[in-house]
């Protein structure tokens, strides 16, 4: 399944959740989708977690990178 098909499925799920469940259901579906994407990304690319931690480690807490 390519990215456009995944995008269509995600958009359809969000649309149905928003239409039938309201804004709260829309947010729950969106958050669950984002969490699923993050887990899938880390499982697909084993170096993704290390790159994320390296990026966090380079900041000094204010969001600015240190040299």
PDB file of N, CA and C in Angstrom:
ATOM      1  N   UNK A   1       0.854  -1.166   0.000  1.00  0.00           N
ATOM      2  CA  UNK A   1       0.000   0.000   0.000  1.00  0.00           C
ATOM      3  C   UNK A   1       0.904   1.235   0.000  1.00  0.00           C
ATOM      4  N   UNK A   2       0.676   2.130  -0.950  1.00  0.00           N
ATOM      5  CA  UNK A   2       1.529   3.313  -1.024  1.00  0.00           C
ATOM      6  C   UNK A   2       0.961   4.453  -0.178  1.00  0.00           C
ATOM      7  N   UNK A   3       1.699   5.533  -0.125  1.00  0.00           N
ATOM      8  CA  UNK A   3       1.351   6.635   0.774  1.00  0.00           C
ATOM      9  C   UNK A   3       0.035   7.310   0.404  1.00  0.00           C
ATOM     10  N   UNK A   4      -0.278   7.383  -0.871  1.00  0.00           N
ATOM     11  CA  UNK A   4      -1.535   8.026  -1.251  1.00  0.00           C
ATOM     12  C   UNK A   4      -2.727   7.203  -0.780  1.00  0.00           C
ATOM     13  N   UNK A   5      -2.625   5.886  -0.840  1.00  0.00           N
ATOM     14  CA  UNK A   5      -3.713   5.040  -0.350  1.00  0.00           C
ATOM     15  C   UNK A   5      -3.863   5.157   1.167  1.00  0.00           C
ATOM     16  N   UNK A   6      -2.758   5.218   1.873  1.00  0.00           N
ATOM     17  CA  UNK A   6      -2.810   5.393   3.322  1.00  0.00           C
ATOM     18  C   UNK A   6      -3.429   6.744   3.666  1.00  0.00           C
ATOM     19  N   UNK A   7      -3.075   7.765   2.913  1.00  0.00           N
ATOM     20  CA  UNK A   7      -3.647   9.088   3.139  1.00  0.00           C
ATOM     21  C   UNK A   7      -5.151   9.119   2.906  1.00  0.00           C
ATOM     22  N   UNK A   8      -5.607   8.424   1.868  1.00  0.00           N
ATOM     23  CA  UNK A   8      -7.041   8.359   1.605  1.00  0.00           C
ATOM     24  C   UNK A   8      -7.760   7.630   2.731  1.00  0.00           C
ATOM     25  N   UNK A   9      -7.196   6.528   3.198  1.00  0.00           N
ATOM     26  CA  UNK A   9      -7.820   5.794   4.302  1.00  0.00           C
ATOM     27  C   UNK A   9      -7.853   6.621   5.587  1.00  0.00           C
ATOM     28  N   UNK A  10      -6.764   7.304   5.874  1.00  0.00           N
ATOM     29  CA  UNK A  10      -6.723   8.128   7.082  1.00  0.00           C
ATOM     30  C   UNK A  10      -7.721   9.276   6.980  1.00  0.00           C
ATOM     31  N   UNK A  11      -7.789   9.915   5.834  1.00  0.00           N
ATOM     32  CA  UNK A  11      -8.741  11.004   5.642  1.00  0.00           C
ATOM     33  C   UNK A  11     -10.181  10.539   5.747  1.00  0.00           C
ATOM     34  N   UNK A  12     -10.461   9.367   5.209  1.00  0.00           N
ATOM     35  CA  UNK A  12     -11.809   8.810   5.299  1.00  0.00           C
ATOM     36  C   UNK A  12     -12.171   8.495   6.743  1.00  0.00           C
ATOM     37  N   UNK A  13     -11.243   7.894   7.472  1.00  0.00           N
ATOM     38  CA  UNK A  13     -11.499   7.577   8.878  1.00  0.00           C
ATOM     39  C   UNK A  13     -11.730   8.849   9.688  1.00  0.00           C
ATOM     40  N   UNK A  14     -10.930   9.878   9.445  1.00  0.00           N
ATOM     41  CA  UNK A  14     -11.102  11.140  10.164  1.00  0.00           C
ATOM     42  C   UNK A  14     -12.426  11.810   9.788  1.00  0.00           C
ATOM     43  N   UNK A  15     -12.780  11.718   8.527  1.00  0.00           N
ATOM     44  CA  UNK A  15     -14.047  12.293   8.087  1.00  0.00           C
ATOM     45  C   UNK A  15     -15.237  11.628   8.746  1.00  0.00           C
ATOM     46  N   UNK A  16     -15.250  10.296   8.766  1.00  0.00           N
ATOM     47  CA  UNK A  16     -16.338   9.581   9.426  1.00  0.00           C
ATOM     48  C   UNK A  16     -16.374   9.867  10.926  1.00  0.00           C
ATOM     49  N   UNK A  17     -15.211   9.913  11.552  1.00  0.00           N
ATOM     50  CA  UNK A  17     -15.177  10.197  12.991  1.00  0.00           C
ATOM     51  C   UNK A  17     -15.704  11.591  13.278  1.00  0.00           C
ATOM     52  N   UNK A  18     -15.326  12.548  12.472  1.00  0.00           N
ATOM     53  CA  UNK A  18     -15.801  13.916  12.668  1.00  0.00           C
ATOM     54  C   UNK A  18     -17.285  14.056  12.398  1.00  0.00           C
ATOM     55  N   UNK A  19     -17.777  13.367  11.382  1.00  0.00           N
ATOM     56  CA  UNK A  19     -19.190  13.478  11.018  1.00  0.00           C
ATOM     57  C   UNK A  19     -20.094  12.792  12.046  1.00  0.00           C
ATOM     58  N   UNK A  20     -19.756  11.585  12.411  1.00  0.00           N
ATOM     59  CA  UNK A  20     -20.640  10.808  13.279  1.00  0.00           C
ATOM     60  C   UNK A  20     -20.338  10.977  14.766  1.00  0.00           C
ATOM     61  N   UNK A  21     -19.110  11.296  15.117  1.00  0.00           N
ATOM     62  CA  UNK A  21     -18.744  11.354  16.528  1.00  0.00           C
ATOM     63  C   UNK A  21     -18.460  12.736  17.054  1.00  0.00           C
ATOM     64  N   UNK A  22     -18.356  13.707  16.181  1.00  0.00           N
ATOM     65  CA  UNK A  22     -18.062  15.070  16.615  1.00  0.00           C
ATOM     66  C   UNK A  22     -16.562  15.332  16.673  1.00  0.00           C
ATOM     67  N   UNK A  23     -16.250  16.504  17.181  1.00  0.00           N
ATOM     68  CA  UNK A  23     -14.861  16.951  17.196  1.00  0.00           C
ATOM     69  C   UNK A  23     -13.997  16.120  18.136  1.00  0.00           C
ATOM     70  N   UNK A  24     -14.549  15.682  19.259  1.00  0.00           N
ATOM     71  CA  UNK A  24     -13.784  14.857  20.202  1.00  0.00           C
ATOM     72  C   UNK A  24     -13.347  13.546  19.578  1.00  0.00           C
ATOM     73  N   UNK A  25     -14.261  12.902  18.854  1.00  0.00           N
ATOM     74  CA  UNK A  25     -13.912  11.651  18.179  1.00  0.00           C
ATOM     75  C   UNK A  25     -12.881  11.899  17.082  1.00  0.00           C
ATOM     76  N   UNK A  26     -13.004  13.031  16.400  1.00  0.00           N
ATOM     77  CA  UNK A  26     -12.029  13.401  15.378  1.00  0.00           C
ATOM     78  C   UNK A  26     -10.628  13.484  15.978  1.00  0.00           C
ATOM     79  N   UNK A  27     -10.527  14.134  17.143  1.00  0.00           N
ATOM     80  CA  UNK A  27      -9.218  14.264  17.789  1.00  0.00           C
ATOM     81  C   UNK A  27      -8.670  12.920  18.250  1.00  0.00           C
ATOM     82  N   UNK A  28      -9.537  12.062  18.788  1.00  0.00           N
ATOM     83  CA  UNK A  28      -9.083  10.742  19.235  1.00  0.00           C
ATOM     84  C   UNK A  28      -8.553   9.937  18.061  1.00  0.00           C
ATOM     85  N   UNK A  29      -9.282   9.941  16.955  1.00  0.00           N
ATOM     86  CA  UNK A  29      -8.839   9.194  15.767  1.00  0.00           C
ATOM     87  C   UNK A  29      -7.539   9.780  15.232  1.00  0.00           C
ATOM     88  N   UNK A  30      -7.422  11.102  15.214  1.00  0.00           N
ATOM     89  CA  UNK A  30      -6.197  11.736  14.728  1.00  0.00           C
ATOM     90  C   UNK A  30      -4.997  11.392  15.616  1.00  0.00           C
ATOM     91  N   UNK A  31      -5.178  11.415  16.931  1.00  0.00           N
ATOM     92  CA  UNK A  31      -4.078  11.084  17.845  1.00  0.00           C
ATOM     93  C   UNK A  31      -3.674   9.615  17.742  1.00  0.00           C
ATOM     94  N   UNK A  32      -4.660   8.740  17.629  1.00  0.00           N
ATOM     95  CA  UNK A  32      -4.346   7.316  17.465  1.00  0.00           C
ATOM     96  C   UNK A  32      -3.627   7.070  16.139  1.00  0.00           C
ATOM     97  N   UNK A  33      -4.037   7.757  15.104  1.00  0.00           N
ATOM     98  CA  UNK A  33      -3.362   7.628  13.812  1.00  0.00           C
ATOM     99  C   UNK A  33      -1.930   8.115  13.862  1.00  0.00           C
ATOM    100  N   UNK A  34      -1.697   9.228  14.551  1.00  0.00           N
ATOM    101  CA  UNK A  34      -0.338   9.758  14.682  1.00  0.00           C
ATOM    102  C   UNK A  34       0.543   8.815  15.490  1.00  0.00           C
ATOM    103  N   UNK A  35      -0.022   8.254  16.556  1.00  0.00           N
ATOM    104  CA  UNK A  35       0.747   7.303  17.364  1.00  0.00           C
ATOM    105  C   UNK A  35       1.071   6.047  16.550  1.00  0.00           C
ATOM    106  N   UNK A  36       0.116   5.566  15.784  1.00  0.00           N
ATOM    107  CA  UNK A  36       0.356   4.398  14.934  1.00  0.00           C
ATOM    108  C   UNK A  36       1.406   4.674  13.879  1.00  0.00           C
ATOM    109  N   UNK A  37       1.367   5.886  13.305  1.00  0.00           N
ATOM    110  CA  UNK A  37       2.375   6.242  12.316  1.00  0.00           C
ATOM    111  C   UNK A  37       3.766   6.259  12.955  1.00  0.00           C
ATOM    112  N   UNK A  38       3.873   6.838  14.149  1.00  0.00           N
ATOM    113  CA  UNK A  38       5.175   6.930  14.815  1.00  0.00           C
ATOM    114  C   UNK A  38       5.733   5.546  15.141  1.00  0.00           C
ATOM    115  N   UNK A  39       4.899   4.664  15.652  1.00  0.00           N
ATOM    116  CA  UNK A  39       5.346   3.306  15.972  1.00  0.00           C
ATOM    117  C   UNK A  39       5.762   2.581  14.694  1.00  0.00           C
ATOM    118  N   UNK A  40       4.962   2.702  13.654  1.00  0.00           N
ATOM    119  CA  UNK A  40       5.307   2.064  12.384  1.00  0.00           C
ATOM    120  C   UNK A  40       6.592   2.600  11.799  1.00  0.00           C
ATOM    121  N   UNK A  41       6.805   3.904  11.937  1.00  0.00           N
ATOM    122  CA  UNK A  41       8.026   4.513  11.415  1.00  0.00           C
ATOM    123  C   UNK A  41       9.255   3.986  12.149  1.00  0.00           C
ATOM    124  N   UNK A  42       9.151   3.867  13.461  1.00  0.00           N
ATOM    125  CA  UNK A  42      10.283   3.369  14.248  1.00  0.00           C
ATOM    126  C   UNK A  42      10.530   1.889  13.949  1.00  0.00           C
ATOM    127  N   UNK A  43       9.461   1.108  13.789  1.00  0.00           N
ATOM    128  CA  UNK A  43       9.641  -0.310  13.487  1.00  0.00           C
ATOM    129  C   UNK A  43      10.203  -0.523  12.088  1.00  0.00           C
ATOM    130  N   UNK A  44       9.833   0.340  11.153  1.00  0.00           N
ATOM    131  CA  UNK A  44      10.307   0.204   9.783  1.00  0.00           C
ATOM    132  C   UNK A  44      11.755   0.650   9.633  1.00  0.00           C
ATOM    133  N   UNK A  45      12.143   1.680  10.377  1.00  0.00           N
ATOM    134  CA  UNK A  45      13.492   2.238  10.291  1.00  0.00           C
ATOM    135  C   UNK A  45      14.132   2.185  11.673  1.00  0.00           C
ATOM    136  N   UNK A  46      14.981   1.196  11.939  1.00  0.00           N
ATOM    137  CA  UNK A  46      15.550   1.049  13.279  1.00  0.00           C
ATOM    138  C   UNK A  46      16.421   2.235  13.712  1.00  0.00           C
ATOM    139  N   UNK A  47      16.934   3.017  12.776  1.00  0.00           N
ATOM    140  CA  UNK A  47      17.773   4.159  13.132  1.00  0.00           C
ATOM    141  C   UNK A  47      16.961   5.401  13.459  1.00  0.00           C
ATOM    142  N   UNK A  48      15.641   5.373  13.254  1.00  0.00           N
ATOM    143  CA  UNK A  48      14.799   6.553  13.471  1.00  0.00           C
ATOM    144  C   UNK A  48      14.805   6.970  14.935  1.00  0.00           C
ATOM    145  N   UNK A  49      14.735   6.016  15.839  1.00  0.00           N
ATOM    146  CA  UNK A  49      14.724   6.345  17.266  1.00  0.00           C
ATOM    147  C   UNK A  49      16.038   7.009  17.673  1.00  0.00           C
ATOM    148  N   UNK A  50      17.153   6.502  17.184  1.00  0.00           N
ATOM    149  CA  UNK A  50      18.445   7.086  17.532  1.00  0.00           C
ATOM    150  C   UNK A  50      18.576   8.492  16.969  1.00  0.00           C
ATOM    151  N   UNK A  51      18.097   8.733  15.739  1.00  0.00           N
ATOM    152  CA  UNK A  51      18.136  10.081  15.175  1.00  0.00           C
ATOM    153  C   UNK A  51      17.269  11.038  15.982  1.00  0.00           C
ATOM    154  N   UNK A  52      16.126  10.560  16.463  1.00  0.00           N
ATOM    155  CA  UNK A  52      15.259  11.403  17.288  1.00  0.00           C
ATOM    156  C   UNK A  52      15.968  11.776  18.582  1.00  0.00           C
ATOM    157  N   UNK A  53      16.574  10.809  19.251  1.00  0.00           N
ATOM    158  CA  UNK A  53      17.273  11.106  20.501  1.00  0.00           C
ATOM    159  C   UNK A  53      18.475  12.013  20.269  1.00  0.00           C
ATOM    160  N   UNK A  54      19.167  11.840  19.147  1.00  0.00           N
ATOM    161  CA  UNK A  54      20.285  12.727  18.828  1.00  0.00           C
ATOM    162  C   UNK A  54      19.798  14.159  18.637  1.00  0.00           C
ATOM    163  N   UNK A  55      18.653  14.327  17.982  1.00  0.00           N
ATOM    164  CA  UNK A  55      18.101  15.653  17.755  1.00  0.00           C
ATOM    165  C   UNK A  55      17.692  16.295  19.082  1.00  0.00           C
ATOM    166  N   UNK A  56      17.098  15.520  19.974  1.00  0.00           N
ATOM    167  CA  UNK A  56      16.692  16.048  21.280  1.00  0.00           C
ATOM    168  C   UNK A  56      17.925  16.405  22.104  1.00  0.00           C
ATOM    169  N   UNK A  57      18.951  15.595  22.008  1.00  0.00           N
ATOM    170  CA  UNK A  57      20.171  15.808  22.785  1.00  0.00           C
ATOM    171  C   UNK A  57      20.898  17.078  22.354  1.00  0.00           C
ATOM    172  N   UNK A  58      20.749  17.481  21.083  1.00  0.00           N
ATOM    173  CA  UNK A  58      21.438  18.672  20.594  1.00  0.00           C
ATOM    174  C   UNK A  58      20.766  19.974  21.010  1.00  0.00           C
ATOM    175  N   UNK A  59      19.569  19.901  21.549  1.00  0.00           N
ATOM    176  CA  UNK A  59      18.906  21.123  22.003  1.00  0.00           C
ATOM    177  C   UNK A  59      19.226  21.355  23.470  1.00  0.00           C
ATOM    178  N   UNK A  60      19.143  22.596  23.885  1.00  0.00           N
ATOM    179  CA  UNK A  60      19.474  22.918  25.268  1.00  0.00           C
ATOM    180  C   UNK A  60      18.233  23.160  26.115  1.00  0.00           C
ATOM    181  N   UNK A  61      17.086  22.651  25.712  1.00  0.00           N
ATOM    182  CA  UNK A  61      15.870  22.813  26.467  1.00  0.00           C
ATOM    183  C   UNK A  61      15.003  23.960  25.993  1.00  0.00           C
ATOM    184  N   UNK A  62      15.594  24.923  25.299  1.00  0.00           N
ATOM    185  CA  UNK A  62      14.823  26.073  24.812  1.00  0.00           C
ATOM    186  C   UNK A  62      14.408  25.884  23.364  1.00  0.00           C
ATOM    187  N   UNK A  63      14.737  24.751  22.782  1.00  0.00           N
ATOM    188  CA  UNK A  63      14.408  24.522  21.389  1.00  0.00           C
ATOM    189  C   UNK A  63      15.482  24.986  20.431  1.00  0.00           C
ATOM    190  N   UNK A  64      16.500  25.655  20.962  1.00  0.00           N
ATOM    191  CA  UNK A  64      17.601  26.115  20.112  1.00  0.00           C
ATOM    192  C   UNK A  64      18.721  25.093  20.155  1.00  0.00           C
ATOM    193  N   UNK A  65      19.322  24.907  19.030  1.00  0.00           N
ATOM    194  CA  UNK A  65      20.429  23.951  18.965  1.00  0.00           C
ATOM    195  C   UNK A  65      21.695  24.550  19.540  1.00  0.00           C
ATOM    196  N   UNK A  66      22.437  23.698  20.223  1.00  0.00           N
ATOM    197  CA  UNK A  66      23.752  24.126  20.729  1.00  0.00           C
ATOM    198  C   UNK A  66      24.798  23.608  19.768  1.00  0.00           C
ATOM    199  N   UNK A  67      25.943  24.228  19.797  1.00  0.00           N
ATOM    200  CA  UNK A  67      27.015  23.791  18.882  1.00  0.00           C
ATOM    201  C   UNK A  67      28.062  23.029  19.624  1.00  0.00           C
TER     202      UNK A  67
END
